[in-house]
PDB file of N, CA and C in Angstrom:
ATOM      1  N   UNK A   1     -25.724   0.898   2.225  1.00  0.00           N
ATOM      2  CA  UNK A   1     -24.414   0.556   1.914  1.00  0.00           C
ATOM      3  C   UNK A   1     -23.851  -0.370   2.743  1.00  0.00           C
ATOM      4  N   UNK A   2     -23.083  -1.497   2.323  1.00  0.00           N
ATOM      5  CA  UNK A   2     -22.473  -2.581   2.986  1.00  0.00           C
ATOM      6  C   UNK A   2     -21.423  -2.197   3.839  1.00  0.00           C
ATOM      7  N   UNK A   3     -21.272  -2.769   4.974  1.00  0.00           N
ATOM      8  CA  UNK A   3     -20.291  -2.614   5.786  1.00  0.00           C
ATOM      9  C   UNK A   3     -18.965  -3.456   5.512  1.00  0.00           C
ATOM     10  N   UNK A   4     -18.042  -2.893   5.731  1.00  0.00           N
ATOM     11  CA  UNK A   4     -16.524  -3.465   5.367  1.00  0.00           C
ATOM     12  C   UNK A   4     -16.121  -4.355   6.658  1.00  0.00           C
ATOM     13  N   UNK A   5     -15.917  -5.505   6.543  1.00  0.00           N
ATOM     14  CA  UNK A   5     -15.308  -6.230   7.775  1.00  0.00           C
ATOM     15  C   UNK A   5     -13.809  -6.248   7.678  1.00  0.00           C
ATOM     16  N   UNK A   6     -13.383  -5.450   8.654  1.00  0.00           N
ATOM     17  CA  UNK A   6     -11.790  -5.264   8.615  1.00  0.00           C
ATOM     18  C   UNK A   6     -11.058  -6.404   8.667  1.00  0.00           C
ATOM     19  N   UNK A   7     -11.469  -7.484   9.468  1.00  0.00           N
ATOM     20  CA  UNK A   7     -10.842  -8.474   9.665  1.00  0.00           C
ATOM     21  C   UNK A   7     -10.688  -9.469   8.517  1.00  0.00           C
ATOM     22  N   UNK A   8     -11.698  -9.250   7.561  1.00  0.00           N
ATOM     23  CA  UNK A   8     -11.567 -10.100   6.346  1.00  0.00           C
ATOM     24  C   UNK A   8     -10.597  -9.586   5.217  1.00  0.00           C
ATOM     25  N   UNK A   9     -10.101  -8.306   5.444  1.00  0.00           N
ATOM     26  CA  UNK A   9      -9.201  -7.948   4.445  1.00  0.00           C
ATOM     27  C   UNK A   9      -7.753  -8.503   4.762  1.00  0.00           C
ATOM     28  N   UNK A  10      -6.904  -8.855   3.850  1.00  0.00           N
ATOM     29  CA  UNK A  10      -5.716  -9.628   4.154  1.00  0.00           C
ATOM     30  C   UNK A  10      -4.755  -8.581   4.860  1.00  0.00           C
ATOM     31  N   UNK A  11      -3.732  -9.264   5.499  1.00  0.00           N
ATOM     32  CA  UNK A  11      -2.761  -8.428   6.310  1.00  0.00           C
ATOM     33  C   UNK A  11      -1.781  -7.651   5.283  1.00  0.00           C
ATOM     34  N   UNK A  12      -1.372  -8.407   4.177  1.00  0.00           N
ATOM     35  CA  UNK A  12      -0.640  -7.700   3.121  1.00  0.00           C
ATOM     36  C   UNK A  12      -1.208  -6.422   2.563  1.00  0.00           C
ATOM     37  N   UNK A  13      -2.566  -6.428   2.358  1.00  0.00           N
ATOM     38  CA  UNK A  13      -3.274  -5.299   1.846  1.00  0.00           C
ATOM     39  C   UNK A  13      -3.207  -3.993   2.950  1.00  0.00           C
ATOM     40  N   UNK A  14      -3.233  -4.529   4.221  1.00  0.00           N
ATOM     41  CA  UNK A  14      -3.299  -3.420   5.161  1.00  0.00           C
ATOM     42  C   UNK A  14      -2.002  -2.864   5.213  1.00  0.00           C
ATOM     43  N   UNK A  15      -0.793  -3.687   5.223  1.00  0.00           N
ATOM     44  CA  UNK A  15       0.460  -3.241   5.346  1.00  0.00           C
ATOM     45  C   UNK A  15       1.026  -2.233   4.087  1.00  0.00           C
ATOM     46  N   UNK A  16       0.510  -2.725   3.036  1.00  0.00           N
ATOM     47  CA  UNK A  16       0.687  -1.942   1.716  1.00  0.00           C
ATOM     48  C   UNK A  16       0.061  -0.496   1.835  1.00  0.00           C
ATOM     49  N   UNK A  17      -1.316  -0.464   2.473  1.00  0.00           N
ATOM     50  CA  UNK A  17      -1.919   0.745   2.617  1.00  0.00           C
ATOM     51  C   UNK A  17      -1.236   1.716   3.687  1.00  0.00           C
ATOM     52  N   UNK A  18      -0.900   1.115   4.896  1.00  0.00           N
ATOM     53  CA  UNK A  18      -0.184   1.932   5.780  1.00  0.00           C
ATOM     54  C   UNK A  18       1.085   2.474   5.268  1.00  0.00           C
ATOM     55  N   UNK A  19       1.894   1.542   4.471  1.00  0.00           N
ATOM     56  CA  UNK A  19       3.147   2.130   4.124  1.00  0.00           C
ATOM     57  C   UNK A  19       2.979   3.198   3.056  1.00  0.00           C
ATOM     58  N   UNK A  20       2.010   3.077   2.122  1.00  0.00           N
ATOM     59  CA  UNK A  20       1.856   4.277   1.086  1.00  0.00           C
ATOM     60  C   UNK A  20       1.287   5.311   1.898  1.00  0.00           C
ATOM     61  N   UNK A  21       0.480   5.318   3.020  1.00  0.00           N
ATOM     62  CA  UNK A  21       0.039   6.569   3.591  1.00  0.00           C
ATOM     63  C   UNK A  21       1.185   7.124   4.263  1.00  0.00           C
ATOM     64  N   UNK A  22       2.107   6.322   4.957  1.00  0.00           N
ATOM     65  CA  UNK A  22       3.263   6.787   5.801  1.00  0.00           C
ATOM     66  C   UNK A  22       4.236   7.483   4.949  1.00  0.00           C
ATOM     67  N   UNK A  23       4.401   6.837   3.655  1.00  0.00           N
ATOM     68  CA  UNK A  23       5.482   7.458   2.825  1.00  0.00           C
ATOM     69  C   UNK A  23       4.952   8.788   2.094  1.00  0.00           C
ATOM     70  N   UNK A  24       3.796   8.928   1.729  1.00  0.00           N
ATOM     71  CA  UNK A  24       3.219  10.099   1.124  1.00  0.00           C
ATOM     72  C   UNK A  24       3.054  11.184   2.531  1.00  0.00           C
ATOM     73  N   UNK A  25       2.694  10.768   3.692  1.00  0.00           N
ATOM     74  CA  UNK A  25       2.849  11.691   4.635  1.00  0.00           C
ATOM     75  C   UNK A  25       4.129  12.287   4.938  1.00  0.00           C
ATOM     76  N   UNK A  26       5.295  11.444   4.797  1.00  0.00           N
ATOM     77  CA  UNK A  26       6.620  11.719   4.937  1.00  0.00           C
ATOM     78  C   UNK A  26       7.057  12.862   3.954  1.00  0.00           C
ATOM     79  N   UNK A  27       6.558  12.515   2.637  1.00  0.00           N
ATOM     80  CA  UNK A  27       6.858  13.471   1.555  1.00  0.00           C
ATOM     81  C   UNK A  27       6.144  14.907   1.719  1.00  0.00           C
ATOM     82  N   UNK A  28       4.935  14.748   2.138  1.00  0.00           N
ATOM     83  CA  UNK A  28       4.283  15.989   2.401  1.00  0.00           C
ATOM     84  C   UNK A  28       5.060  16.731   3.513  1.00  0.00           C
ATOM     85  N   UNK A  29       5.261  16.093   4.647  1.00  0.00           N
ATOM     86  CA  UNK A  29       6.021  16.834   5.662  1.00  0.00           C
ATOM     87  C   UNK A  29       7.357  17.357   5.162  1.00  0.00           C
ATOM     88  N   UNK A  30       8.041  16.708   4.498  1.00  0.00           N
ATOM     89  CA  UNK A  30       9.274  16.968   3.867  1.00  0.00           C
ATOM     90  C   UNK A  30       9.167  18.350   2.980  1.00  0.00           C
ATOM     91  N   UNK A  31       8.048  18.372   2.177  1.00  0.00           N
ATOM     92  CA  UNK A  31       7.905  19.599   1.220  1.00  0.00           C
ATOM     93  C   UNK A  31       7.725  20.849   2.135  1.00  0.00           C
ATOM     94  N   UNK A  32       6.958  20.532   3.351  1.00  0.00           N
ATOM     95  CA  UNK A  32       6.643  21.736   4.304  1.00  0.00           C
ATOM     96  C   UNK A  32       7.991  22.010   5.245  1.00  0.00           C
ATOM     97  N   UNK A  33       9.009  21.303   4.900  1.00  0.00           N
ATOM     98  CA  UNK A  33      10.142  21.740   5.741  1.00  0.00           C
ATOM     99  C   UNK A  33      10.305  20.917   6.977  1.00  0.00           C
ATOM    100  N   UNK A  34       9.372  20.015   7.195  1.00  0.00           N
ATOM    101  CA  UNK A  34       9.536  19.228   8.486  1.00  0.00           C
ATOM    102  C   UNK A  34       9.775  17.706   8.072  1.00  0.00           C
ATOM    103  N   UNK A  35      10.749  17.222   8.332  1.00  0.00           N
ATOM    104  CA  UNK A  35      11.169  15.829   7.723  1.00  0.00           C
ATOM    105  C   UNK A  35      11.475  14.931   8.939  1.00  0.00           C
ATOM    106  N   UNK A  36      10.417  14.146   9.542  1.00  0.00           N
ATOM    107  CA  UNK A  36      10.759  13.481  10.584  1.00  0.00           C
ATOM    108  C   UNK A  36      11.599  12.166  10.421  1.00  0.00           C
ATOM    109  N   UNK A  37      11.299  11.390   9.142  1.00  0.00           N
ATOM    110  CA  UNK A  37      11.806  10.211   8.836  1.00  0.00           C
ATOM    111  C   UNK A  37      13.078  10.075   8.160  1.00  0.00           C
ATOM    112  N   UNK A  38      13.272  10.911   7.020  1.00  0.00           N
ATOM    113  CA  UNK A  38      14.566  10.857   6.570  1.00  0.00           C
ATOM    114  C   UNK A  38      15.585  11.998   6.686  1.00  0.00           C
ATOM    115  N   UNK A  39      16.768  11.744   6.398  1.00  0.00           N
ATOM    116  CA  UNK A  39      17.788  12.760   6.621  1.00  0.00           C
ATOM    117  C   UNK A  39      17.465  13.959   5.595  1.00  0.00           C
ATOM    118  N   UNK A  40      18.008  15.137   6.015  1.00  0.00           N
ATOM    119  CA  UNK A  40      17.608  16.357   5.234  1.00  0.00           C
ATOM    120  C   UNK A  40      18.580  16.342   4.155  1.00  0.00           C
ATOM    121  N   UNK A  41      18.298  17.299   2.964  1.00  0.00           N
ATOM    122  CA  UNK A  41      19.152  17.296   2.042  1.00  0.00           C
ATOM    123  C   UNK A  41      18.865  16.490   0.795  1.00  0.00           C
ATOM    124  N   UNK A  42      19.883  16.399  -0.248  1.00  0.00           N
ATOM    125  CA  UNK A  42      19.529  15.499  -1.402  1.00  0.00           C
ATOM    126  C   UNK A  42      19.435  14.159  -1.122  1.00  0.00           C
ATOM    127  N   UNK A  43      20.197  13.504  -0.212  1.00  0.00           N
ATOM    128  CA  UNK A  43      20.169  12.090   0.021  1.00  0.00           C
ATOM    129  C   UNK A  43      18.734  11.807   0.549  1.00  0.00           C
ATOM    130  N   UNK A  44      18.446  12.615   1.474  1.00  0.00           N
ATOM    131  CA  UNK A  44      17.081  12.406   2.035  1.00  0.00           C
ATOM    132  C   UNK A  44      15.912  12.511   1.037  1.00  0.00           C
ATOM    133  N   UNK A  45      16.076  13.450   0.239  1.00  0.00           N
ATOM    134  CA  UNK A  45      14.923  13.642  -0.915  1.00  0.00           C
ATOM    135  C   UNK A  45      14.903  12.487  -1.893  1.00  0.00           C
ATOM    136  N   UNK A  46      16.179  12.061  -2.276  1.00  0.00           N
ATOM    137  CA  UNK A  46      16.293  10.844  -3.170  1.00  0.00           C
ATOM    138  C   UNK A  46      15.674   9.456  -2.373  1.00  0.00           C
ATOM    139  N   UNK A  47      16.274   9.415  -1.076  1.00  0.00           N
ATOM    140  CA  UNK A  47      15.578   8.204  -0.322  1.00  0.00           C
ATOM    141  C   UNK A  47      14.041   8.196  -0.277  1.00  0.00           C
ATOM    142  N   UNK A  48      13.521   9.336  -0.106  1.00  0.00           N
ATOM    143  CA  UNK A  48      12.160   9.645   0.018  1.00  0.00           C
ATOM    144  C   UNK A  48      11.422   9.383  -1.266  1.00  0.00           C
ATOM    145  N   UNK A  49      11.995   9.723  -2.368  1.00  0.00           N
ATOM    146  CA  UNK A  49      11.324   9.450  -3.669  1.00  0.00           C
ATOM    147  C   UNK A  49      11.469   8.091  -4.126  1.00  0.00           C
ATOM    148  N   UNK A  50      12.529   7.452  -3.648  1.00  0.00           N
ATOM    149  CA  UNK A  50      12.660   6.008  -4.120  1.00  0.00           C
ATOM    150  C   UNK A  50      11.681   5.105  -3.074  1.00  0.00           C
ATOM    151  N   UNK A  51      11.498   5.573  -1.923  1.00  0.00           N
ATOM    152  CA  UNK A  51      10.611   4.873  -0.975  1.00  0.00           C
ATOM    153  C   UNK A  51       9.105   5.136  -1.567  1.00  0.00           C
ATOM    154  N   UNK A  52       8.810   6.200  -1.872  1.00  0.00           N
ATOM    155  CA  UNK A  52       7.447   6.541  -2.436  1.00  0.00           C
ATOM    156  C   UNK A  52       7.117   5.790  -3.742  1.00  0.00           C
ATOM    157  N   UNK A  53       8.174   5.729  -4.620  1.00  0.00           N
ATOM    158  CA  UNK A  53       7.854   5.225  -5.873  1.00  0.00           C
ATOM    159  C   UNK A  53       7.769   3.656  -5.700  1.00  0.00           C
ATOM    160  N   UNK A  54       8.620   3.176  -4.932  1.00  0.00           N
ATOM    161  CA  UNK A  54       8.496   1.585  -4.785  1.00  0.00           C
ATOM    162  C   UNK A  54       7.183   0.973  -4.031  1.00  0.00           C
ATOM    163  N   UNK A  55       6.873   1.886  -2.989  1.00  0.00           N
ATOM    164  CA  UNK A  55       5.693   1.449  -2.242  1.00  0.00           C
ATOM    165  C   UNK A  55       4.560   1.668  -3.153  1.00  0.00           C
ATOM    166  N   UNK A  56       4.481   2.778  -3.896  1.00  0.00           N
ATOM    167  CA  UNK A  56       3.244   2.917  -4.846  1.00  0.00           C
ATOM    168  C   UNK A  56       3.163   1.940  -5.937  1.00  0.00           C
ATOM    169  N   UNK A  57       4.419   1.643  -6.440  1.00  0.00           N
ATOM    170  CA  UNK A  57       4.420   0.475  -7.532  1.00  0.00           C
ATOM    171  C   UNK A  57       3.880  -0.736  -6.927  1.00  0.00           C
ATOM    172  N   UNK A  58       4.467  -1.233  -5.791  1.00  0.00           N
ATOM    173  CA  UNK A  58       4.102  -2.528  -5.201  1.00  0.00           C
ATOM    174  C   UNK A  58       2.379  -2.466  -4.903  1.00  0.00           C
ATOM    175  N   UNK A  59       2.061  -1.527  -4.217  1.00  0.00           N
ATOM    176  CA  UNK A  59       0.637  -1.111  -3.796  1.00  0.00           C
ATOM    177  C   UNK A  59      -0.392  -1.375  -5.133  1.00  0.00           C
ATOM    178  N   UNK A  60       0.227  -0.685  -6.103  1.00  0.00           N
ATOM    179  CA  UNK A  60      -0.653  -0.737  -7.346  1.00  0.00           C
ATOM    180  C   UNK A  60      -0.671  -2.144  -7.890  1.00  0.00           C
ATOM    181  N   UNK A  61       0.551  -2.798  -7.896  1.00  0.00           N
ATOM    182  CA  UNK A  61       0.840  -4.024  -8.613  1.00  0.00           C
ATOM    183  C   UNK A  61      -0.090  -5.197  -7.816  1.00  0.00           C
ATOM    184  N   UNK A  62       0.116  -5.098  -6.597  1.00  0.00           N
ATOM    185  CA  UNK A  62      -0.562  -6.310  -5.887  1.00  0.00           C
ATOM    186  C   UNK A  62      -2.014  -6.096  -5.919  1.00  0.00           C
ATOM    187  N   UNK A  63      -2.779  -7.136  -5.531  1.00  0.00           N
ATOM    188  CA  UNK A  63      -4.089  -7.126  -5.686  1.00  0.00           C
ATOM    189  C   UNK A  63      -4.594  -6.803  -4.134  1.00  0.00           C
ATOM    190  N   UNK A  64      -5.212  -5.667  -4.036  1.00  0.00           N
ATOM    191  CA  UNK A  64      -5.800  -5.113  -2.857  1.00  0.00           C
ATOM    192  C   UNK A  64      -7.214  -5.206  -2.778  1.00  0.00           C
ATOM    193  N   UNK A  65      -7.762  -6.385  -2.273  1.00  0.00           N
ATOM    194  CA  UNK A  65      -9.274  -6.634  -2.302  1.00  0.00           C
ATOM    195  C   UNK A  65      -9.713  -6.427  -1.113  1.00  0.00           C
ATOM    196  N   UNK A  66     -10.632  -5.186  -1.162  1.00  0.00           N
ATOM    197  CA  UNK A  66     -11.378  -4.739   0.075  1.00  0.00           C
ATOM    198  C   UNK A  66     -12.942  -5.148   0.275  1.00  0.00           C
ATOM    199  N   UNK A  67     -13.303  -5.222  -1.016  1.00  0.00           N
ATOM    200  CA  UNK A  67     -14.891  -5.558  -0.979  1.00  0.00           C
ATOM    201  C   UNK A  67     -15.167  -6.977  -0.849  1.00  0.00           C
ATOM    202  N   UNK A  68     -16.365  -7.544  -0.375  1.00  0.00           N
ATOM    203  CA  UNK A  68     -16.603  -9.111  -0.444  1.00  0.00           C
ATOM    204  C   UNK A  68     -16.660  -9.473  -1.752  1.00  0.00           C
ATOM    205  N   UNK A  69     -17.073  -8.964  -2.685  1.00  0.00           N
ATOM    206  CA  UNK A  69     -17.036  -9.464  -4.053  1.00  0.00           C
ATOM    207  C   UNK A  69     -15.594  -9.585  -4.583  1.00  0.00           C
ATOM    208  N   UNK A  70     -14.831  -8.814  -4.439  1.00  0.00           N
ATOM    209  CA  UNK A  70     -13.244  -8.977  -4.763  1.00  0.00           C
ATOM    210  C   UNK A  70     -12.601 -10.004  -3.944  1.00  0.00           C
ATOM    211  N   UNK A  71     -13.102 -10.284  -2.801  1.00  0.00           N
ATOM    212  CA  UNK A  71     -12.356 -11.274  -2.007  1.00  0.00           C
ATOM    213  C   UNK A  71     -12.893 -12.751  -2.469  1.00  0.00           C
ATOM    214  N   UNK A  72     -14.296 -12.738  -3.064  1.00  0.00           N
ATOM    215  CA  UNK A  72     -14.825 -13.920  -3.495  1.00  0.00           C
ATOM    216  C   UNK A  72     -13.933 -14.153  -4.802  1.00  0.00           C
ATOM    217  N   UNK A  73     -13.813 -13.249  -5.696  1.00  0.00           N
ATOM    218  CA  UNK A  73     -13.130 -13.360  -6.952  1.00  0.00           C
ATOM    219  C   UNK A  73     -11.784 -13.843  -6.775  1.00  0.00           C
ATOM    220  N   UNK A  74     -11.082 -13.532  -5.711  1.00  0.00           N
ATOM    221  CA  UNK A  74      -9.704 -13.937  -5.351  1.00  0.00           C
ATOM    222  C   UNK A  74      -9.916 -15.541  -5.177  1.00  0.00           C
ATOM    223  N   UNK A  75     -10.791 -15.873  -4.282  1.00  0.00           N
ATOM    224  CA  UNK A  75     -10.933 -17.217  -3.910  1.00  0.00           C
ATOM    225  C   UNK A  75     -11.302 -18.072  -5.205  1.00  0.00           C
ATOM    226  N   UNK A  76     -12.175 -17.551  -6.091  1.00  0.00           N
ATOM    227  CA  UNK A  76     -12.471 -18.302  -7.366  1.00  0.00           C
ATOM    228  C   UNK A  76     -11.109 -18.432  -8.176  1.00  0.00           C
ATOM    229  N   UNK A  77     -10.355 -17.285  -8.213  1.00  0.00           N
ATOM    230  CA  UNK A  77      -9.265 -17.385  -9.064  1.00  0.00           C
ATOM    231  C   UNK A  77      -8.278 -18.398  -8.570  1.00  0.00           C
ATOM    232  N   UNK A  78      -8.053 -18.466  -7.405  1.00  0.00           N
ATOM    233  CA  UNK A  78      -7.139 -19.366  -6.559  1.00  0.00           C
ATOM    234  C   UNK A  78      -7.594 -20.937  -6.959  1.00  0.00           C
ATOM    235  N   UNK A  79      -8.917 -21.022  -6.780  1.00  0.00           N
ATOM    236  CA  UNK A  79      -9.464 -22.283  -7.130  1.00  0.00           C
ATOM    237  C   UNK A  79      -9.241 -22.892  -8.576  1.00  0.00           C
ATOM    238  N   UNK A  80      -9.243 -21.864  -9.333  1.00  0.00           N
ATOM    239  CA  UNK A  80      -9.145 -22.069 -10.883  1.00  0.00           C
ATOM    240  C   UNK A  80      -7.706 -22.550 -11.144  1.00  0.00           C
ATOM    241  N   UNK A  81      -6.730 -21.562 -10.349  1.00  0.00           N
ATOM    242  CA  UNK A  81      -5.239 -21.827 -10.586  1.00  0.00           C
ATOM    243  C   UNK A  81      -4.859 -23.300 -10.016  1.00  0.00           C
ATOM    244  N   UNK A  82      -5.414 -23.707  -8.816  1.00  0.00           N
ATOM    245  CA  UNK A  82      -5.005 -24.905  -8.358  1.00  0.00           C
ATOM    246  C   UNK A  82      -5.507 -26.026  -9.052  1.00  0.00           C
ATOM    247  N   UNK A  83      -6.560 -25.997  -9.732  1.00  0.00           N
ATOM    248  CA  UNK A  83      -7.167 -27.133 -10.663  1.00  0.00           C
ATOM    249  C   UNK A  83      -6.189 -27.200 -11.932  1.00  0.00           C
ATOM    250  N   UNK A  84      -5.360 -26.315 -12.324  1.00  0.00           N
ATOM    251  CA  UNK A  84      -4.616 -26.430 -13.530  1.00  0.00           C
ATOM    252  C   UNK A  84      -3.376 -26.999 -13.317  1.00  0.00           C
TER     253      UNK A  84
END
């Protein structure tokens, strides 16, 4: 199995991953009655749902290249776009 070079993955990919994990951790803790990040009650639940939805959509929409092949494909695509 090939090793993943952590430093070769873009900062944006790591930020999206960390935010997604933090958001779903907050939602899980909220369901268990322990809500460390958001305010309790309806406003906190709505804010948590909005944060989770927006983070998930952005993480899904953006290109999160972790593998060497995916990063190479990103470079080829950028080269193709720059030649047009």
